[in-house]
Structures are given as C-alpha cells and as structure tokens.
C-alpha cells in the first residue's frame, strides 16, 4: 500500500524540479542512479511519482521507493535528504 511522502520532503522534490537539479537518487531496494529532476505527478490511485530524466528518457519512481536524493549541482538549495519511512501525517 502506498504511503504518501511527508509534505516538507515533497516540497524538496518540487524545488529539485523547479531548478532541474541533477540528482543522485538512492532507492530503498539498494539501487541508485543519477538523473535530472523533471516533475511530480499523482496517479488516479493517489500514488505520487517523481519524474526524472535519465539517459533513455523520462522515468517515474513511486515516491515511497525513494531512499534519498542528493543534489549534484553547485549551490543547491538543499543537501542529501533521506526520504524513506518519512510519511505525511494527515
């Protein structure tokens, strides 16, 4: 079952998209990759996704699959941020 990301952390993803940050993306399954932040979207089932540009084109990662993001841009507005397990308290 999908668990929504904490609102403050969701805001950081939006900042990354606004500035199109190049990010190191670490996943809860141990995987990771570099990608450029594009946008976020919510599915009809109310699952939230982080859309990133990778070498092969855009890819969507369900937000509860994100372990951490680290901006690779000089002067980024935030540093490495852990996301896993930090859900929205609605």
PDB file of N, CA and C in Angstrom:
ATOM      1  N   UNK A   1       0.838  -1.180   0.000  1.00  0.00           N
ATOM      2  CA  UNK A   1       0.000   0.000   0.000  1.00  0.00           C
ATOM      3  C   UNK A   1       0.885   1.247   0.000  1.00  0.00           C
ATOM      4  N   UNK A   2       0.514   2.208  -0.801  1.00  0.00           N
ATOM      5  CA  UNK A   2       1.287   3.445  -0.928  1.00  0.00           C
ATOM      6  C   UNK A   2       1.149   4.299   0.323  1.00  0.00           C
ATOM      7  N   UNK A   3       2.282   4.837   0.797  1.00  0.00           N
ATOM      8  CA  UNK A   3       2.310   5.771   1.921  1.00  0.00           C
ATOM      9  C   UNK A   3       2.792   7.124   1.398  1.00  0.00           C
ATOM     10  N   UNK A   4       1.973   8.181   1.487  1.00  0.00           N
ATOM     11  CA  UNK A   4       2.382   9.490   0.974  1.00  0.00           C
ATOM     12  C   UNK A   4       3.614  10.026   1.697  1.00  0.00           C
ATOM     13  N   UNK A   5       4.450  10.692   0.950  1.00  0.00           N
ATOM     14  CA  UNK A   5       5.671  11.294   1.478  1.00  0.00           C
ATOM     15  C   UNK A   5       5.323  12.506   2.339  1.00  0.00           C
ATOM     16  N   UNK A   6       6.099  12.727   3.402  1.00  0.00           N
ATOM     17  CA  UNK A   6       5.932  13.896   4.256  1.00  0.00           C
ATOM     18  C   UNK A   6       5.911  15.158   3.387  1.00  0.00           C
ATOM     19  N   UNK A   7       5.031  16.084   3.714  1.00  0.00           N
ATOM     20  CA  UNK A   7       4.830  17.293   2.899  1.00  0.00           C
ATOM     21  C   UNK A   7       6.102  18.125   2.749  1.00  0.00           C
ATOM     22  N   UNK A   8       6.897  18.257   3.819  1.00  0.00           N
ATOM     23  CA  UNK A   8       8.141  19.034   3.728  1.00  0.00           C
ATOM     24  C   UNK A   8       9.115  18.402   2.741  1.00  0.00           C
ATOM     25  N   UNK A   9       9.162  17.075   2.721  1.00  0.00           N
ATOM     26  CA  UNK A   9      10.055  16.388   1.792  1.00  0.00           C
ATOM     27  C   UNK A   9       9.533  16.491   0.363  1.00  0.00           C
ATOM     28  N   UNK A  10       8.228  16.456   0.225  1.00  0.00           N
ATOM     29  CA  UNK A  10       7.630  16.636  -1.103  1.00  0.00           C
ATOM     30  C   UNK A  10       8.020  18.004  -1.652  1.00  0.00           C
ATOM     31  N   UNK A  11       8.066  19.005  -0.786  1.00  0.00           N
ATOM     32  CA  UNK A  11       8.477  20.354  -1.205  1.00  0.00           C
ATOM     33  C   UNK A  11       9.903  20.355  -1.759  1.00  0.00           C
ATOM     34  N   UNK A  12      10.801  19.556  -1.155  1.00  0.00           N
ATOM     35  CA  UNK A  12      12.179  19.477  -1.665  1.00  0.00           C
ATOM     36  C   UNK A  12      12.215  18.881  -3.066  1.00  0.00           C
ATOM     37  N   UNK A  13      11.366  17.895  -3.313  1.00  0.00           N
ATOM     38  CA  UNK A  13      11.299  17.323  -4.660  1.00  0.00           C
ATOM     39  C   UNK A  13      10.820  18.382  -5.653  1.00  0.00           C
ATOM     40  N   UNK A  14       9.870  19.191  -5.234  1.00  0.00           N
ATOM     41  CA  UNK A  14       9.374  20.260  -6.103  1.00  0.00           C
ATOM     42  C   UNK A  14      10.470  21.288  -6.387  1.00  0.00           C
ATOM     43  N   UNK A  15      11.288  21.607  -5.374  1.00  0.00           N
ATOM     44  CA  UNK A  15      12.412  22.531  -5.573  1.00  0.00           C
ATOM     45  C   UNK A  15      13.396  21.934  -6.568  1.00  0.00           C
ATOM     46  N   UNK A  16      13.691  20.634  -6.409  1.00  0.00           N
ATOM     47  CA  UNK A  16      14.607  19.963  -7.338  1.00  0.00           C
ATOM     48  C   UNK A  16      14.074  20.051  -8.769  1.00  0.00           C
ATOM     49  N   UNK A  17      12.764  19.916  -8.931  1.00  0.00           N
ATOM     50  CA  UNK A  17      12.162  20.005 -10.266  1.00  0.00           C
ATOM     51  C   UNK A  17      12.199  21.433 -10.795  1.00  0.00           C
ATOM     52  N   UNK A  18      11.912  22.385  -9.942  1.00  0.00           N
ATOM     53  CA  UNK A  18      11.888  23.782 -10.358  1.00  0.00           C
ATOM     54  C   UNK A  18      13.250  24.213 -10.910  1.00  0.00           C
ATOM     55  N   UNK A  19      14.328  23.741 -10.266  1.00  0.00           N
ATOM     56  CA  UNK A  19      15.673  24.100 -10.698  1.00  0.00           C
ATOM     57  C   UNK A  19      16.310  23.046 -11.611  1.00  0.00           C
ATOM     58  N   UNK A  20      15.548  21.989 -11.910  1.00  0.00           N
ATOM     59  CA  UNK A  20      16.037  20.904 -12.786  1.00  0.00           C
ATOM     60  C   UNK A  20      17.383  20.356 -12.305  1.00  0.00           C
ATOM     61  N   UNK A  21      17.479  20.121 -10.994  1.00  0.00           N
ATOM     62  CA  UNK A  21      18.721  19.614 -10.414  1.00  0.00           C
ATOM     63  C   UNK A  21      19.093  18.252 -10.971  1.00  0.00           C
ATOM     64  N   UNK A  22      20.385  18.076 -11.185  1.00  0.00           N
ATOM     65  CA  UNK A  22      20.941  16.752 -11.412  1.00  0.00           C
ATOM     66  C   UNK A  22      21.080  16.130 -10.031  1.00  0.00           C
ATOM     67  N   UNK A  23      20.558  14.917  -9.860  1.00  0.00           N
ATOM     68  CA  UNK A  23      20.497  14.274  -8.555  1.00  0.00           C
ATOM     69  C   UNK A  23      21.135  12.895  -8.565  1.00  0.00           C
ATOM     70  N   UNK A  24      21.647  12.497  -7.427  1.00  0.00           N
ATOM     71  CA  UNK A  24      21.945  11.099  -7.138  1.00  0.00           C
ATOM     72  C   UNK A  24      20.687  10.590  -6.444  1.00  0.00           C
ATOM     73  N   UNK A  25      20.051   9.574  -7.015  1.00  0.00           N
ATOM     74  CA  UNK A  25      18.814   9.018  -6.481  1.00  0.00           C
ATOM     75  C   UNK A  25      19.122   7.630  -5.929  1.00  0.00           C
ATOM     76  N   UNK A  26      18.880   7.438  -4.636  1.00  0.00           N
ATOM     77  CA  UNK A  26      19.071   6.137  -4.000  1.00  0.00           C
ATOM     78  C   UNK A  26      17.703   5.552  -3.684  1.00  0.00           C
ATOM     79  N   UNK A  27      17.529   4.276  -4.015  1.00  0.00           N
ATOM     80  CA  UNK A  27      16.250   3.605  -3.839  1.00  0.00           C
ATOM     81  C   UNK A  27      16.283   2.676  -2.626  1.00  0.00           C
ATOM     82  N   UNK A  28      15.102   2.410  -2.067  1.00  0.00           N
ATOM     83  CA  UNK A  28      15.031   1.560  -0.884  1.00  0.00           C
ATOM     84  C   UNK A  28      15.472   0.129  -1.169  1.00  0.00           C
ATOM     85  N   UNK A  29      15.427  -0.301  -2.424  1.00  0.00           N
ATOM     86  CA  UNK A  29      15.852  -1.663  -2.766  1.00  0.00           C
ATOM     87  C   UNK A  29      17.366  -1.788  -2.944  1.00  0.00           C
ATOM     88  N   UNK A  30      18.092  -0.690  -2.694  1.00  0.00           N
ATOM     89  CA  UNK A  30      19.547  -0.714  -2.800  1.00  0.00           C
ATOM     90  C   UNK A  30      20.075  -0.180  -4.116  1.00  0.00           C
ATOM     91  N   UNK A  31      19.212   0.039  -5.082  1.00  0.00           N
ATOM     92  CA  UNK A  31      19.640   0.589  -6.361  1.00  0.00           C
ATOM     93  C   UNK A  31      19.855   2.082  -6.271  1.00  0.00           C
ATOM     94  N   UNK A  32      20.450   2.624  -7.317  1.00  0.00           N
ATOM     95  CA  UNK A  32      20.662   4.053  -7.371  1.00  0.00           C
ATOM     96  C   UNK A  32      21.120   4.475  -8.746  1.00  0.00           C
ATOM     97  N   UNK A  33      20.951   5.752  -9.053  1.00  0.00           N
ATOM     98  CA  UNK A  33      21.325   6.273 -10.364  1.00  0.00           C
ATOM     99  C   UNK A  33      21.375   7.792 -10.304  1.00  0.00           C
ATOM    100  N   UNK A  34      21.938   8.394 -11.343  1.00  0.00           N
ATOM    101  CA  UNK A  34      21.932   9.845 -11.499  1.00  0.00           C
ATOM    102  C   UNK A  34      20.877  10.207 -12.525  1.00  0.00           C
ATOM    103  N   UNK A  35      20.156  11.289 -12.248  1.00  0.00           N
ATOM    104  CA  UNK A  35      19.091  11.725 -13.157  1.00  0.00           C
ATOM    105  C   UNK A  35      18.764  13.183 -12.886  1.00  0.00           C
ATOM    106  N   UNK A  36      18.116  13.807 -13.846  1.00  0.00           N
ATOM    107  CA  UNK A  36      17.704  15.197 -13.705  1.00  0.00           C
ATOM    108  C   UNK A  36      16.223  15.228 -13.305  1.00  0.00           C
ATOM    109  N   UNK A  37      15.915  16.025 -12.267  1.00  0.00           N
ATOM    110  CA  UNK A  37      14.540  16.163 -11.782  1.00  0.00           C
ATOM    111  C   UNK A  37      13.691  16.890 -12.821  1.00  0.00           C
ATOM    112  N   UNK A  38      12.512  16.357 -13.116  1.00  0.00           N
ATOM    113  CA  UNK A  38      11.612  16.983 -14.089  1.00  0.00           C
ATOM    114  C   UNK A  38      10.328  17.490 -13.450  1.00  0.00           C
ATOM    115  N   UNK A  39       9.575  16.590 -12.833  1.00  0.00           N
ATOM    116  CA  UNK A  39       8.275  16.964 -12.273  1.00  0.00           C
ATOM    117  C   UNK A  39       7.800  15.873 -11.316  1.00  0.00           C
ATOM    118  N   UNK A  40       6.643  16.101 -10.733  1.00  0.00           N
ATOM    119  CA  UNK A  40       5.975  15.083  -9.929  1.00  0.00           C
ATOM    120  C   UNK A  40       4.570  14.914 -10.500  1.00  0.00           C
ATOM    121  N   UNK A  41       3.977  13.773 -10.230  1.00  0.00           N
ATOM    122  CA  UNK A  41       2.575  13.597 -10.617  1.00  0.00           C
ATOM    123  C   UNK A  41       1.917  12.583  -9.705  1.00  0.00           C
ATOM    124  N   UNK A  42       0.600  12.643  -9.664  1.00  0.00           N
ATOM    125  CA  UNK A  42      -0.201  11.743  -8.839  1.00  0.00           C
ATOM    126  C   UNK A  42      -1.090  10.931  -9.760  1.00  0.00           C
ATOM    127  N   UNK A  43      -1.104   9.619  -9.547  1.00  0.00           N
ATOM    128  CA  UNK A  43      -1.925   8.729 -10.371  1.00  0.00           C
ATOM    129  C   UNK A  43      -3.386   8.775  -9.917  1.00  0.00           C
ATOM    130  N   UNK A  44      -4.251   8.181 -10.687  1.00  0.00           N
ATOM    131  CA  UNK A  44      -5.670   8.105 -10.336  1.00  0.00           C
ATOM    132  C   UNK A  44      -5.875   7.355  -9.021  1.00  0.00           C
ATOM    133  N   UNK A  45      -4.915   6.479  -8.687  1.00  0.00           N
ATOM    134  CA  UNK A  45      -4.983   5.704  -7.441  1.00  0.00           C
ATOM    135  C   UNK A  45      -4.376   6.457  -6.265  1.00  0.00           C
ATOM    136  N   UNK A  46      -4.029   7.730  -6.474  1.00  0.00           N
ATOM    137  CA  UNK A  46      -3.449   8.611  -5.451  1.00  0.00           C
ATOM    138  C   UNK A  46      -2.016   8.233  -5.060  1.00  0.00           C
ATOM    139  N   UNK A  47      -1.299   7.553  -5.945  1.00  0.00           N
ATOM    140  CA  UNK A  47       0.113   7.275  -5.737  1.00  0.00           C
ATOM    141  C   UNK A  47       0.907   8.424  -6.359  1.00  0.00           C
ATOM    142  N   UNK A  48       1.938   8.890  -5.636  1.00  0.00           N
ATOM    143  CA  UNK A  48       2.742  10.012  -6.113  1.00  0.00           C
ATOM    144  C   UNK A  48       4.033   9.496  -6.739  1.00  0.00           C
ATOM    145  N   UNK A  49       4.422  10.137  -7.843  1.00  0.00           N
ATOM    146  CA  UNK A  49       5.611   9.737  -8.580  1.00  0.00           C
ATOM    147  C   UNK A  49       6.538  10.931  -8.795  1.00  0.00           C
ATOM    148  N   UNK A  50       7.838  10.633  -8.773  1.00  0.00           N
ATOM    149  CA  UNK A  50       8.885  11.601  -9.062  1.00  0.00           C
ATOM    150  C   UNK A  50       9.363  11.274 -10.466  1.00  0.00           C
ATOM    151  N   UNK A  51       9.259  12.229 -11.383  1.00  0.00           N
ATOM    152  CA  UNK A  51       9.627  12.001 -12.779  1.00  0.00           C
ATOM    153  C   UNK A  51      11.024  12.575 -12.999  1.00  0.00           C
ATOM    154  N   UNK A  52      11.899  11.739 -13.540  1.00  0.00           N
ATOM    155  CA  UNK A  52      13.305  12.088 -13.726  1.00  0.00           C
ATOM    156  C   UNK A  52      13.724  11.816 -15.157  1.00  0.00           C
ATOM    157  N   UNK A  53      14.673  12.599 -15.632  1.00  0.00           N
ATOM    158  CA  UNK A  53      15.244  12.382 -16.965  1.00  0.00           C
ATOM    159  C   UNK A  53      16.503  11.551 -16.799  1.00  0.00           C
ATOM    160  N   UNK A  54      16.487  10.358 -17.396  1.00  0.00           N
ATOM    161  CA  UNK A  54      17.674   9.501 -17.420  1.00  0.00           C
ATOM    162  C   UNK A  54      18.148   9.412 -18.865  1.00  0.00           C
ATOM    163  N   UNK A  55      19.225   8.711 -19.081  1.00  0.00           N
ATOM    164  CA  UNK A  55      19.818   8.625 -20.418  1.00  0.00           C
ATOM    165  C   UNK A  55      18.826   8.171 -21.485  1.00  0.00           C
ATOM    166  N   UNK A  56      17.940   7.253 -21.127  1.00  0.00           N
ATOM    167  CA  UNK A  56      16.984   6.695 -22.090  1.00  0.00           C
ATOM    168  C   UNK A  56      15.690   7.492 -22.199  1.00  0.00           C
ATOM    169  N   UNK A  57      15.572   8.583 -21.448  1.00  0.00           N
ATOM    170  CA  UNK A  57      14.350   9.380 -21.458  1.00  0.00           C
ATOM    171  C   UNK A  57      13.751   9.469 -20.064  1.00  0.00           C
ATOM    172  N   UNK A  58      12.526   9.977 -19.955  1.00  0.00           N
ATOM    173  CA  UNK A  58      11.899  10.140 -18.642  1.00  0.00           C
ATOM    174  C   UNK A  58      11.580   8.798 -17.989  1.00  0.00           C
ATOM    175  N   UNK A  59      11.694   8.771 -16.661  1.00  0.00           N
ATOM    176  CA  UNK A  59      11.265   7.600 -15.898  1.00  0.00           C
ATOM    177  C   UNK A  59      10.559   8.102 -14.646  1.00  0.00           C
ATOM    178  N   UNK A  60       9.608   7.334 -14.175  1.00  0.00           N
ATOM    179  CA  UNK A  60       8.849   7.681 -12.975  1.00  0.00           C
ATOM    180  C   UNK A  60       9.190   6.712 -11.862  1.00  0.00           C
ATOM    181  N   UNK A  61       9.438   7.265 -10.668  1.00  0.00           N
ATOM    182  CA  UNK A  61       9.717   6.457  -9.493  1.00  0.00           C
ATOM    183  C   UNK A  61       8.662   6.787  -8.451  1.00  0.00           C
ATOM    184  N   UNK A  62       7.979   5.749  -7.961  1.00  0.00           N
ATOM    185  CA  UNK A  62       6.994   5.987  -6.912  1.00  0.00           C
ATOM    186  C   UNK A  62       7.717   6.538  -5.689  1.00  0.00           C
ATOM    187  N   UNK A  63       7.193   7.600  -5.107  1.00  0.00           N
ATOM    188  CA  UNK A  63       7.914   8.331  -4.066  1.00  0.00           C
ATOM    189  C   UNK A  63       8.249   7.492  -2.840  1.00  0.00           C
ATOM    190  N   UNK A  64       7.443   6.489  -2.529  1.00  0.00           N
ATOM    191  CA  UNK A  64       7.771   5.669  -1.361  1.00  0.00           C
ATOM    192  C   UNK A  64       8.865   4.650  -1.662  1.00  0.00           C
ATOM    193  N   UNK A  65       9.393   4.653  -2.881  1.00  0.00           N
ATOM    194  CA  UNK A  65      10.527   3.804  -3.253  1.00  0.00           C
ATOM    195  C   UNK A  65      11.858   4.558  -3.130  1.00  0.00           C
ATOM    196  N   UNK A  66      11.769   5.875  -2.859  1.00  0.00           N
ATOM    197  CA  UNK A  66      12.968   6.702  -2.743  1.00  0.00           C
ATOM    198  C   UNK A  66      13.581   6.570  -1.344  1.00  0.00           C
ATOM    199  N   UNK A  67      14.854   6.250  -1.292  1.00  0.00           N
ATOM    200  CA  UNK A  67      15.578   6.234  -0.014  1.00  0.00           C
ATOM    201  C   UNK A  67      16.134   7.623   0.281  1.00  0.00           C
ATOM    202  N   UNK A  68      16.814   8.222  -0.711  1.00  0.00           N
ATOM    203  CA  UNK A  68      17.429   9.537  -0.533  1.00  0.00           C
ATOM    204  C   UNK A  68      17.680  10.170  -1.893  1.00  0.00           C
ATOM    205  N   UNK A  69      17.775  11.499  -1.869  1.00  0.00           N
ATOM    206  CA  UNK A  69      18.215  12.238  -3.045  1.00  0.00           C
ATOM    207  C   UNK A  69      19.355  13.156  -2.625  1.00  0.00           C
ATOM    208  N   UNK A  70      20.311  13.313  -3.519  1.00  0.00           N
ATOM    209  CA  UNK A  70      21.456  14.190  -3.272  1.00  0.00           C
ATOM    210  C   UNK A  70      21.666  15.070  -4.495  1.00  0.00           C
ATOM    211  N   UNK A  71      21.501  16.386  -4.355  1.00  0.00           N
ATOM    212  CA  UNK A  71      21.770  17.273  -5.485  1.00  0.00           C
ATOM    213  C   UNK A  71      23.254  17.251  -5.853  1.00  0.00           C
ATOM    214  N   UNK A  72      23.542  17.209  -7.131  1.00  0.00           N
ATOM    215  CA  UNK A  72      24.914  17.215  -7.627  1.00  0.00           C
ATOM    216  C   UNK A  72      25.284  18.570  -8.217  1.00  0.00           C
ATOM    217  N   UNK A  73      24.424  19.549  -8.024  1.00  0.00           N
ATOM    218  CA  UNK A  73      24.623  20.898  -8.554  1.00  0.00           C
ATOM    219  C   UNK A  73      25.347  21.770  -7.529  1.00  0.00           C
ATOM    220  N   UNK A  74      26.339  22.553  -7.950  1.00  0.00           N
ATOM    221  CA  UNK A  74      26.957  23.506  -7.023  1.00  0.00           C
ATOM    222  C   UNK A  74      25.908  24.521  -6.564  1.00  0.00           C
ATOM    223  N   UNK A  75      25.902  24.850  -5.294  1.00  0.00           N
ATOM    224  CA  UNK A  75      24.980  25.857  -4.771  1.00  0.00           C
ATOM    225  C   UNK A  75      23.543  25.398  -4.645  1.00  0.00           C
ATOM    226  N   UNK A  76      23.300  24.093  -4.635  1.00  0.00           N
ATOM    227  CA  UNK A  76      21.927  23.583  -4.496  1.00  0.00           C
ATOM    228  C   UNK A  76      21.314  24.089  -3.192  1.00  0.00           C
ATOM    229  N   UNK A  77      20.016  24.215  -3.167  1.00  0.00           N
ATOM    230  CA  UNK A  77      19.306  24.768  -2.015  1.00  0.00           C
ATOM    231  C   UNK A  77      19.118  23.773  -0.879  1.00  0.00           C
ATOM    232  N   UNK A  78      19.521  22.523  -1.060  1.00  0.00           N
ATOM    233  CA  UNK A  78      19.481  21.520  -0.002  1.00  0.00           C
ATOM    234  C   UNK A  78      20.549  20.479  -0.302  1.00  0.00           C
ATOM    235  N   UNK A  79      20.906  19.703   0.699  1.00  0.00           N
ATOM    236  CA  UNK A  79      21.897  18.642   0.540  1.00  0.00           C
ATOM    237  C   UNK A  79      21.225  17.281   0.518  1.00  0.00           C
ATOM    238  N   UNK A  80      22.020  16.234   0.752  1.00  0.00           N
ATOM    239  CA  UNK A  80      21.462  14.874   0.778  1.00  0.00           C
ATOM    240  C   UNK A  80      20.288  14.833   1.745  1.00  0.00           C
ATOM    241  N   UNK A  81      19.193  14.271   1.272  1.00  0.00           N
ATOM    242  CA  UNK A  81      17.977  14.205   2.073  1.00  0.00           C
ATOM    243  C   UNK A  81      17.448  12.781   2.054  1.00  0.00           C
ATOM    244  N   UNK A  82      17.285  12.214   3.235  1.00  0.00           N
ATOM    245  CA  UNK A  82      16.702  10.872   3.381  1.00  0.00           C
ATOM    246  C   UNK A  82      15.185  10.989   3.312  1.00  0.00           C
ATOM    247  N   UNK A  83      14.565  10.133   2.517  1.00  0.00           N
ATOM    248  CA  UNK A  83      13.124  10.189   2.305  1.00  0.00           C
ATOM    249  C   UNK A  83      12.400   8.957   2.837  1.00  0.00           C
ATOM    250  N   UNK A  84      13.051   7.813   2.851  1.00  0.00           N
ATOM    251  CA  UNK A  84      12.393   6.548   3.197  1.00  0.00           C
ATOM    252  C   UNK A  84      11.825   6.593   4.603  1.00  0.00           C
ATOM    253  N   UNK A  85      10.593   6.120   4.716  1.00  0.00           N
ATOM    254  CA  UNK A  85       9.962   5.997   6.011  1.00  0.00           C
ATOM    255  C   UNK A  85       9.393   7.279   6.581  1.00  0.00           C
ATOM    256  N   UNK A  86       9.522   8.379   5.864  1.00  0.00           N
ATOM    257  CA  UNK A  86       9.040   9.670   6.359  1.00  0.00           C
ATOM    258  C   UNK A  86       7.741  10.002   5.625  1.00  0.00           C
ATOM    259  N   UNK A  87       6.642   9.581   6.221  1.00  0.00           N
ATOM    260  CA  UNK A  87       5.348   9.713   5.572  1.00  0.00           C
ATOM    261  C   UNK A  87       4.577  10.913   6.102  1.00  0.00           C
ATOM    262  N   UNK A  88       3.624  11.342   5.322  1.00  0.00           N
ATOM    263  CA  UNK A  88       2.808  12.501   5.655  1.00  0.00           C
ATOM    264  C   UNK A  88       1.853  12.126   6.798  1.00  0.00           C
ATOM    265  N   UNK A  89       1.812  12.955   7.809  1.00  0.00           N
ATOM    266  CA  UNK A  89       0.917  12.744   8.952  1.00  0.00           C
ATOM    267  C   UNK A  89      -0.370  13.519   8.705  1.00  0.00           C
ATOM    268  N   UNK A  90      -1.296  12.894   7.994  1.00  0.00           N
ATOM    269  CA  UNK A  90      -2.577  13.561   7.653  1.00  0.00           C
ATOM    270  C   UNK A  90      -3.610  13.175   8.688  1.00  0.00           C
TER     271      UNK A  90
END
